[in-house]
Amino acid sequence: MIDANALRTVCLGLNGATEEFPFPRHPDVATFKVGGKIFALTTLEASPLTVSLKCDPELAERLRAAHPEVVPGYHLNKRHWNTVSLAGGLPDRLVLDMIEDSYDLIVASLPRAQRLLLDWPGEGKR
């Protein structure tokens, strides 16, 4: 099961990722960004722990249909974001894959110069 420390470690382990607390009215909400854009959003002290992640719309629908722990993004564009419960119902590998996919979607949207600076493996696939 991925806990708050593991979630932070995984997100910050992605190349160029930063952690910010940008919402003055919600100082406990952590955002993980790359290139200034959010790829993960969470309240690390929440119980149960959840994380909102960007997702391809078609995949988002499939994940929601297959896993009750995956729901449309809370206070986000529900077509492109999922909120994922980390209470232990999902395999860690699936959660890690969703985090990496969210990161990749954001990096893919960055200008080429930023992608090159990140030494992003997906750059050669574009």
N, C-alpha and C. Protein backbone atom coordinates (compact mmCIF):
# COMPACT_ATOMS: atom_id res chain seq x y z
N MET A 1 0.85 -1.19 0.00
CA MET A 1 0.00 0.00 0.00
C MET A 1 0.89 1.24 0.00
N ILE A 2 0.55 2.19 -0.83
CA ILE A 2 1.32 3.42 -0.94
C ILE A 2 0.81 4.42 0.09
N ASP A 3 1.70 4.83 1.01
CA ASP A 3 1.33 5.81 2.02
C ASP A 3 1.80 7.20 1.58
N ALA A 4 1.58 8.20 2.43
CA ALA A 4 1.90 9.58 2.07
C ALA A 4 3.38 9.77 1.77
N ASN A 5 4.25 9.17 2.57
CA ASN A 5 5.69 9.31 2.34
C ASN A 5 6.09 8.68 1.02
N ALA A 6 5.54 7.50 0.73
CA ALA A 6 5.86 6.83 -0.53
C ALA A 6 5.33 7.64 -1.71
N LEU A 7 4.13 8.19 -1.58
CA LEU A 7 3.56 9.00 -2.65
C LEU A 7 4.46 10.20 -2.94
N ARG A 8 4.88 10.89 -1.90
CA ARG A 8 5.77 12.04 -2.07
C ARG A 8 7.09 11.61 -2.72
N THR A 9 7.65 10.52 -2.26
CA THR A 9 8.92 10.03 -2.79
C THR A 9 8.81 9.67 -4.27
N VAL A 10 7.73 8.98 -4.63
CA VAL A 10 7.52 8.59 -6.03
C VAL A 10 7.37 9.82 -6.91
N CYS A 11 6.53 10.75 -6.49
CA CYS A 11 6.28 11.95 -7.30
C CYS A 11 7.55 12.78 -7.46
N LEU A 12 8.27 12.99 -6.36
CA LEU A 12 9.48 13.82 -6.43
C LEU A 12 10.64 13.07 -7.09
N GLY A 13 10.51 11.77 -7.24
CA GLY A 13 11.54 10.99 -7.92
C GLY A 13 11.48 11.10 -9.43
N LEU A 14 10.42 11.68 -9.94
CA LEU A 14 10.29 11.87 -11.38
C LEU A 14 11.10 13.10 -11.80
N ASN A 15 11.79 13.01 -12.89
CA ASN A 15 12.73 14.05 -13.32
C ASN A 15 12.06 15.41 -13.44
N GLY A 16 12.61 16.38 -12.72
CA GLY A 16 12.12 17.76 -12.79
C GLY A 16 10.91 18.04 -11.92
N ALA A 17 10.44 17.05 -11.15
CA ALA A 17 9.24 17.25 -10.33
C ALA A 17 9.53 18.12 -9.12
N THR A 18 8.55 18.95 -8.78
CA THR A 18 8.62 19.80 -7.59
C THR A 18 7.34 19.64 -6.80
N GLU A 19 7.41 19.98 -5.52
CA GLU A 19 6.24 19.97 -4.65
C GLU A 19 5.95 21.40 -4.23
N GLU A 20 4.68 21.78 -4.34
CA GLU A 20 4.27 23.13 -3.94
C GLU A 20 2.96 23.05 -3.17
N PHE A 21 2.72 24.08 -2.37
CA PHE A 21 1.47 24.23 -1.63
C PHE A 21 0.88 25.59 -2.04
N PRO A 22 0.27 25.65 -3.23
CA PRO A 22 -0.09 26.94 -3.83
C PRO A 22 -1.43 27.54 -3.41
N PHE A 23 -2.19 26.83 -2.59
CA PHE A 23 -3.55 27.29 -2.29
C PHE A 23 -3.62 27.85 -0.87
N PRO A 24 -3.57 29.19 -0.72
CA PRO A 24 -3.58 29.79 0.62
C PRO A 24 -4.80 29.37 1.46
N ARG A 25 -5.93 29.17 0.81
CA ARG A 25 -7.13 28.78 1.56
C ARG A 25 -7.12 27.31 1.94
N HIS A 26 -6.21 26.54 1.32
CA HIS A 26 -6.07 25.10 1.59
C HIS A 26 -4.58 24.77 1.70
N PRO A 27 -3.93 25.23 2.78
CA PRO A 27 -2.48 25.09 2.87
C PRO A 27 -1.98 23.65 2.99
N ASP A 28 -2.87 22.71 3.22
CA ASP A 28 -2.47 21.31 3.35
C ASP A 28 -2.50 20.56 2.01
N VAL A 29 -2.95 21.20 0.95
CA VAL A 29 -3.04 20.56 -0.36
C VAL A 29 -1.69 20.68 -1.07
N ALA A 30 -1.07 19.52 -1.31
CA ALA A 30 0.22 19.46 -2.00
C ALA A 30 -0.02 19.23 -3.49
N THR A 31 0.73 19.96 -4.29
CA THR A 31 0.72 19.72 -5.73
C THR A 31 2.12 19.28 -6.15
N PHE A 32 2.15 18.32 -7.04
CA PHE A 32 3.42 17.89 -7.63
C PHE A 32 3.37 18.33 -9.08
N LYS A 33 4.41 19.08 -9.47
CA LYS A 33 4.42 19.72 -10.78
C LYS A 33 5.68 19.35 -11.54
N VAL A 34 5.56 19.45 -12.86
CA VAL A 34 6.72 19.38 -13.75
C VAL A 34 6.51 20.48 -14.78
N GLY A 35 7.54 21.27 -15.01
CA GLY A 35 7.41 22.37 -15.96
C GLY A 35 6.36 23.37 -15.54
N GLY A 36 6.10 23.48 -14.24
CA GLY A 36 5.10 24.42 -13.73
C GLY A 36 3.66 23.94 -13.83
N LYS A 37 3.45 22.70 -14.30
CA LYS A 37 2.09 22.17 -14.46
C LYS A 37 1.88 20.99 -13.51
N ILE A 38 0.70 20.92 -12.93
CA ILE A 38 0.37 19.88 -11.95
C ILE A 38 0.16 18.53 -12.64
N PHE A 39 0.80 17.49 -12.07
CA PHE A 39 0.52 16.12 -12.51
C PHE A 39 -0.07 15.28 -11.38
N ALA A 40 0.03 15.75 -10.13
CA ALA A 40 -0.57 15.05 -8.99
C ALA A 40 -0.97 16.08 -7.93
N LEU A 41 -2.09 15.80 -7.29
CA LEU A 41 -2.68 16.72 -6.30
C LEU A 41 -3.19 15.88 -5.15
N THR A 42 -2.80 16.22 -3.91
CA THR A 42 -3.20 15.41 -2.77
C THR A 42 -3.17 16.22 -1.48
N THR A 43 -3.84 15.70 -0.48
CA THR A 43 -3.69 16.18 0.89
C THR A 43 -3.00 15.05 1.63
N LEU A 44 -1.71 15.19 1.89
CA LEU A 44 -0.90 14.09 2.40
C LEU A 44 -1.33 13.61 3.79
N GLU A 45 -2.00 14.46 4.55
CA GLU A 45 -2.44 14.06 5.89
C GLU A 45 -3.85 13.49 5.90
N ALA A 46 -4.49 13.42 4.77
CA ALA A 46 -5.88 12.95 4.70
C ALA A 46 -5.97 11.45 4.97
N SER A 47 -7.08 11.07 5.53
CA SER A 47 -7.35 9.65 5.74
C SER A 47 -8.79 9.39 5.31
N PRO A 48 -9.01 8.56 4.30
CA PRO A 48 -7.99 7.84 3.55
C PRO A 48 -7.25 8.76 2.59
N LEU A 49 -6.03 8.37 2.30
CA LEU A 49 -5.20 9.13 1.38
C LEU A 49 -5.71 8.95 -0.04
N THR A 50 -5.84 10.06 -0.76
CA THR A 50 -6.21 10.02 -2.18
C THR A 50 -5.23 10.90 -2.95
N VAL A 51 -5.17 10.65 -4.24
CA VAL A 51 -4.36 11.49 -5.12
C VAL A 51 -5.14 11.68 -6.41
N SER A 52 -5.13 12.90 -6.92
CA SER A 52 -5.76 13.18 -8.21
C SER A 52 -4.67 13.21 -9.26
N LEU A 53 -4.94 12.49 -10.36
CA LEU A 53 -3.96 12.31 -11.42
C LEU A 53 -4.58 12.56 -12.78
N LYS A 54 -3.84 13.18 -13.66
CA LYS A 54 -4.29 13.39 -15.04
C LYS A 54 -4.31 12.04 -15.75
N CYS A 55 -5.25 11.87 -16.67
CA CYS A 55 -5.39 10.59 -17.35
C CYS A 55 -6.00 10.79 -18.73
N ASP A 56 -5.59 9.98 -19.68
CA ASP A 56 -6.24 9.96 -20.98
C ASP A 56 -7.73 9.69 -20.77
N PRO A 57 -8.63 10.45 -21.39
CA PRO A 57 -10.06 10.29 -21.12
C PRO A 57 -10.61 8.88 -21.31
N GLU A 58 -10.18 8.19 -22.36
CA GLU A 58 -10.68 6.83 -22.57
C GLU A 58 -10.18 5.88 -21.50
N LEU A 59 -8.92 6.00 -21.13
CA LEU A 59 -8.36 5.16 -20.07
C LEU A 59 -9.02 5.50 -18.74
N ALA A 60 -9.28 6.77 -18.51
CA ALA A 60 -9.94 7.19 -17.27
C ALA A 60 -11.27 6.46 -17.09
N GLU A 61 -12.05 6.40 -18.15
CA GLU A 61 -13.34 5.70 -18.09
C GLU A 61 -13.16 4.22 -17.78
N ARG A 62 -12.18 3.59 -18.43
CA ARG A 62 -11.94 2.15 -18.19
C ARG A 62 -11.50 1.90 -16.76
N LEU A 63 -10.62 2.75 -16.25
CA LEU A 63 -10.15 2.58 -14.87
C LEU A 63 -11.30 2.74 -13.87
N ARG A 64 -12.15 3.72 -14.10
CA ARG A 64 -13.30 3.95 -13.21
C ARG A 64 -14.26 2.76 -13.24
N ALA A 65 -14.46 2.20 -14.43
CA ALA A 65 -15.37 1.05 -14.56
C ALA A 65 -14.81 -0.19 -13.88
N ALA A 66 -13.50 -0.34 -13.89
CA ALA A 66 -12.86 -1.55 -13.37
C ALA A 66 -12.53 -1.49 -11.88
N HIS A 67 -12.39 -0.27 -11.34
CA HIS A 67 -11.91 -0.12 -9.96
C HIS A 67 -12.74 0.91 -9.20
N PRO A 68 -13.45 0.49 -8.16
CA PRO A 68 -14.24 1.47 -7.39
C PRO A 68 -13.37 2.51 -6.68
N GLU A 69 -12.07 2.25 -6.56
CA GLU A 69 -11.15 3.19 -5.91
C GLU A 69 -10.79 4.36 -6.82
N VAL A 70 -11.18 4.28 -8.08
CA VAL A 70 -10.87 5.33 -9.06
C VAL A 70 -12.18 6.02 -9.44
N VAL A 71 -12.24 7.32 -9.14
CA VAL A 71 -13.46 8.09 -9.41
C VAL A 71 -13.08 9.35 -10.20
N PRO A 72 -14.07 10.02 -10.81
CA PRO A 72 -13.76 11.27 -11.51
C PRO A 72 -13.07 12.27 -10.58
N GLY A 73 -12.16 13.04 -11.13
CA GLY A 73 -11.36 13.99 -10.35
C GLY A 73 -12.20 14.92 -9.49
N TYR A 74 -11.87 14.98 -8.22
CA TYR A 74 -12.57 15.84 -7.27
C TYR A 74 -12.18 17.29 -7.52
N HIS A 75 -13.16 18.13 -7.84
CA HIS A 75 -12.95 19.56 -8.13
C HIS A 75 -12.01 19.79 -9.31
N LEU A 76 -11.99 18.84 -10.26
CA LEU A 76 -11.13 18.95 -11.44
C LEU A 76 -11.94 18.60 -12.67
N ASN A 77 -11.37 18.78 -13.84
CA ASN A 77 -12.02 18.39 -15.08
C ASN A 77 -12.19 16.87 -15.07
N LYS A 78 -13.41 16.42 -14.92
CA LYS A 78 -13.68 15.00 -14.73
C LYS A 78 -13.38 14.15 -15.96
N ARG A 79 -13.26 14.78 -17.10
CA ARG A 79 -12.90 14.04 -18.31
C ARG A 79 -11.42 13.66 -18.30
N HIS A 80 -10.58 14.51 -17.73
CA HIS A 80 -9.14 14.33 -17.80
C HIS A 80 -8.46 13.97 -16.48
N TRP A 81 -9.19 13.96 -15.39
CA TRP A 81 -8.59 13.71 -14.09
C TRP A 81 -9.36 12.63 -13.33
N ASN A 82 -8.61 11.78 -12.64
CA ASN A 82 -9.17 10.79 -11.73
C ASN A 82 -8.68 11.08 -10.33
N THR A 83 -9.51 10.80 -9.34
CA THR A 83 -9.08 10.79 -7.95
C THR A 83 -9.02 9.33 -7.53
N VAL A 84 -7.86 8.95 -7.00
CA VAL A 84 -7.56 7.55 -6.72
C VAL A 84 -7.38 7.36 -5.22
N SER A 85 -8.13 6.42 -4.64
CA SER A 85 -7.97 6.09 -3.23
C SER A 85 -6.75 5.20 -3.06
N LEU A 86 -5.91 5.53 -2.09
CA LEU A 86 -4.71 4.75 -1.81
C LEU A 86 -4.89 3.95 -0.52
N ALA A 87 -6.12 3.57 -0.22
CA ALA A 87 -6.44 2.85 1.02
C ALA A 87 -6.07 1.37 0.95
N GLY A 88 -5.50 0.92 -0.15
CA GLY A 88 -5.04 -0.45 -0.23
C GLY A 88 -5.80 -1.34 -1.17
N GLY A 89 -6.83 -0.84 -1.81
CA GLY A 89 -7.63 -1.67 -2.71
C GLY A 89 -7.03 -1.86 -4.09
N LEU A 90 -6.06 -1.05 -4.45
CA LEU A 90 -5.42 -1.14 -5.76
C LEU A 90 -4.00 -1.67 -5.62
N PRO A 91 -3.55 -2.45 -6.59
CA PRO A 91 -2.14 -2.89 -6.57
C PRO A 91 -1.22 -1.67 -6.68
N ASP A 92 -0.13 -1.70 -5.93
CA ASP A 92 0.82 -0.59 -5.97
C ASP A 92 1.31 -0.32 -7.39
N ARG A 93 1.55 -1.39 -8.17
CA ARG A 93 2.05 -1.21 -9.53
C ARG A 93 1.08 -0.40 -10.37
N LEU A 94 -0.23 -0.62 -10.20
CA LEU A 94 -1.23 0.14 -10.95
C LEU A 94 -1.17 1.61 -10.56
N VAL A 95 -1.07 1.88 -9.27
CA VAL A 95 -0.99 3.27 -8.81
C VAL A 95 0.27 3.94 -9.35
N LEU A 96 1.39 3.24 -9.29
CA LEU A 96 2.63 3.80 -9.82
C LEU A 96 2.52 4.08 -11.31
N ASP A 97 1.88 3.17 -12.04
CA ASP A 97 1.67 3.38 -13.47
C ASP A 97 0.80 4.61 -13.73
N MET A 98 -0.23 4.81 -12.92
CA MET A 98 -1.10 5.97 -13.10
C MET A 98 -0.35 7.27 -12.81
N ILE A 99 0.52 7.26 -11.81
CA ILE A 99 1.33 8.44 -11.51
C ILE A 99 2.26 8.75 -12.68
N GLU A 100 2.93 7.72 -13.18
CA GLU A 100 3.84 7.90 -14.31
C GLU A 100 3.10 8.37 -15.56
N ASP A 101 1.92 7.81 -15.80
CA ASP A 101 1.12 8.24 -16.95
C ASP A 101 0.73 9.72 -16.83
N SER A 102 0.34 10.14 -15.63
CA SER A 102 -0.03 11.54 -15.41
C SER A 102 1.17 12.45 -15.70
N TYR A 103 2.30 12.09 -15.15
CA TYR A 103 3.54 12.84 -15.39
C TYR A 103 3.83 12.91 -16.89
N ASP A 104 3.75 11.76 -17.58
CA ASP A 104 4.04 11.73 -19.01
C ASP A 104 3.09 12.61 -19.82
N LEU A 105 1.80 12.62 -19.45
CA LEU A 105 0.85 13.48 -20.15
C LEU A 105 1.22 14.94 -20.02
N ILE A 106 1.65 15.33 -18.83
CA ILE A 106 2.04 16.73 -18.60
C ILE A 106 3.32 17.04 -19.36
N VAL A 107 4.33 16.18 -19.25
CA VAL A 107 5.59 16.44 -19.94
C VAL A 107 5.38 16.52 -21.45
N ALA A 108 4.53 15.64 -21.98
CA ALA A 108 4.27 15.64 -23.42
C ALA A 108 3.67 16.96 -23.89
N SER A 109 3.00 17.68 -22.98
CA SER A 109 2.37 18.95 -23.34
C SER A 109 3.32 20.14 -23.22
N LEU A 110 4.50 19.92 -22.68
CA LEU A 110 5.47 21.00 -22.49
C LEU A 110 6.16 21.33 -23.81
N PRO A 111 6.68 22.54 -23.93
CA PRO A 111 7.46 22.87 -25.13
C PRO A 111 8.67 21.93 -25.27
N ARG A 112 9.07 21.69 -26.50
CA ARG A 112 10.15 20.74 -26.79
C ARG A 112 11.41 21.05 -26.00
N ALA A 113 11.75 22.31 -25.86
CA ALA A 113 12.97 22.68 -25.13
C ALA A 113 12.91 22.20 -23.68
N GLN A 114 11.73 22.32 -23.05
CA GLN A 114 11.59 21.85 -21.68
C GLN A 114 11.67 20.33 -21.62
N ARG A 115 11.05 19.65 -22.59
CA ARG A 115 11.12 18.18 -22.62
C ARG A 115 12.56 17.72 -22.75
N LEU A 116 13.33 18.39 -23.60
CA LEU A 116 14.73 18.01 -23.78
C LEU A 116 15.53 18.21 -22.50
N LEU A 117 15.27 19.28 -21.77
CA LEU A 117 15.96 19.53 -20.50
C LEU A 117 15.65 18.44 -19.47
N LEU A 118 14.46 17.88 -19.55
CA LEU A 118 14.06 16.83 -18.61
C LEU A 118 14.62 15.46 -18.99
N ASP A 119 15.22 15.37 -20.19
CA ASP A 119 15.74 14.10 -20.68
C ASP A 119 14.64 13.03 -20.60
N TRP A 120 13.46 13.43 -21.06
CA TRP A 120 12.27 12.58 -21.00
C TRP A 120 12.35 11.45 -22.00
N PRO A 121 12.19 10.19 -21.55
CA PRO A 121 12.29 9.06 -22.48
C PRO A 121 11.28 9.12 -23.61
N GLY A 122 10.14 9.73 -23.40
CA GLY A 122 9.11 9.82 -24.44
C GLY A 122 9.46 10.77 -25.56
N GLU A 123 10.49 11.57 -25.39
CA GLU A 123 10.85 12.57 -26.41
C GLU A 123 11.14 11.92 -27.76
N GLY A 124 11.79 10.79 -27.76
CA GLY A 124 12.13 10.12 -29.01
C GLY A 124 10.92 9.52 -29.70
N LYS A 125 9.80 9.39 -28.99
CA LYS A 125 8.59 8.78 -29.54
C LYS A 125 7.69 9.78 -30.23
N ARG A 126 7.98 11.05 -30.11
CA ARG A 126 7.12 12.10 -30.67
C ARG A 126 7.40 12.35 -32.11
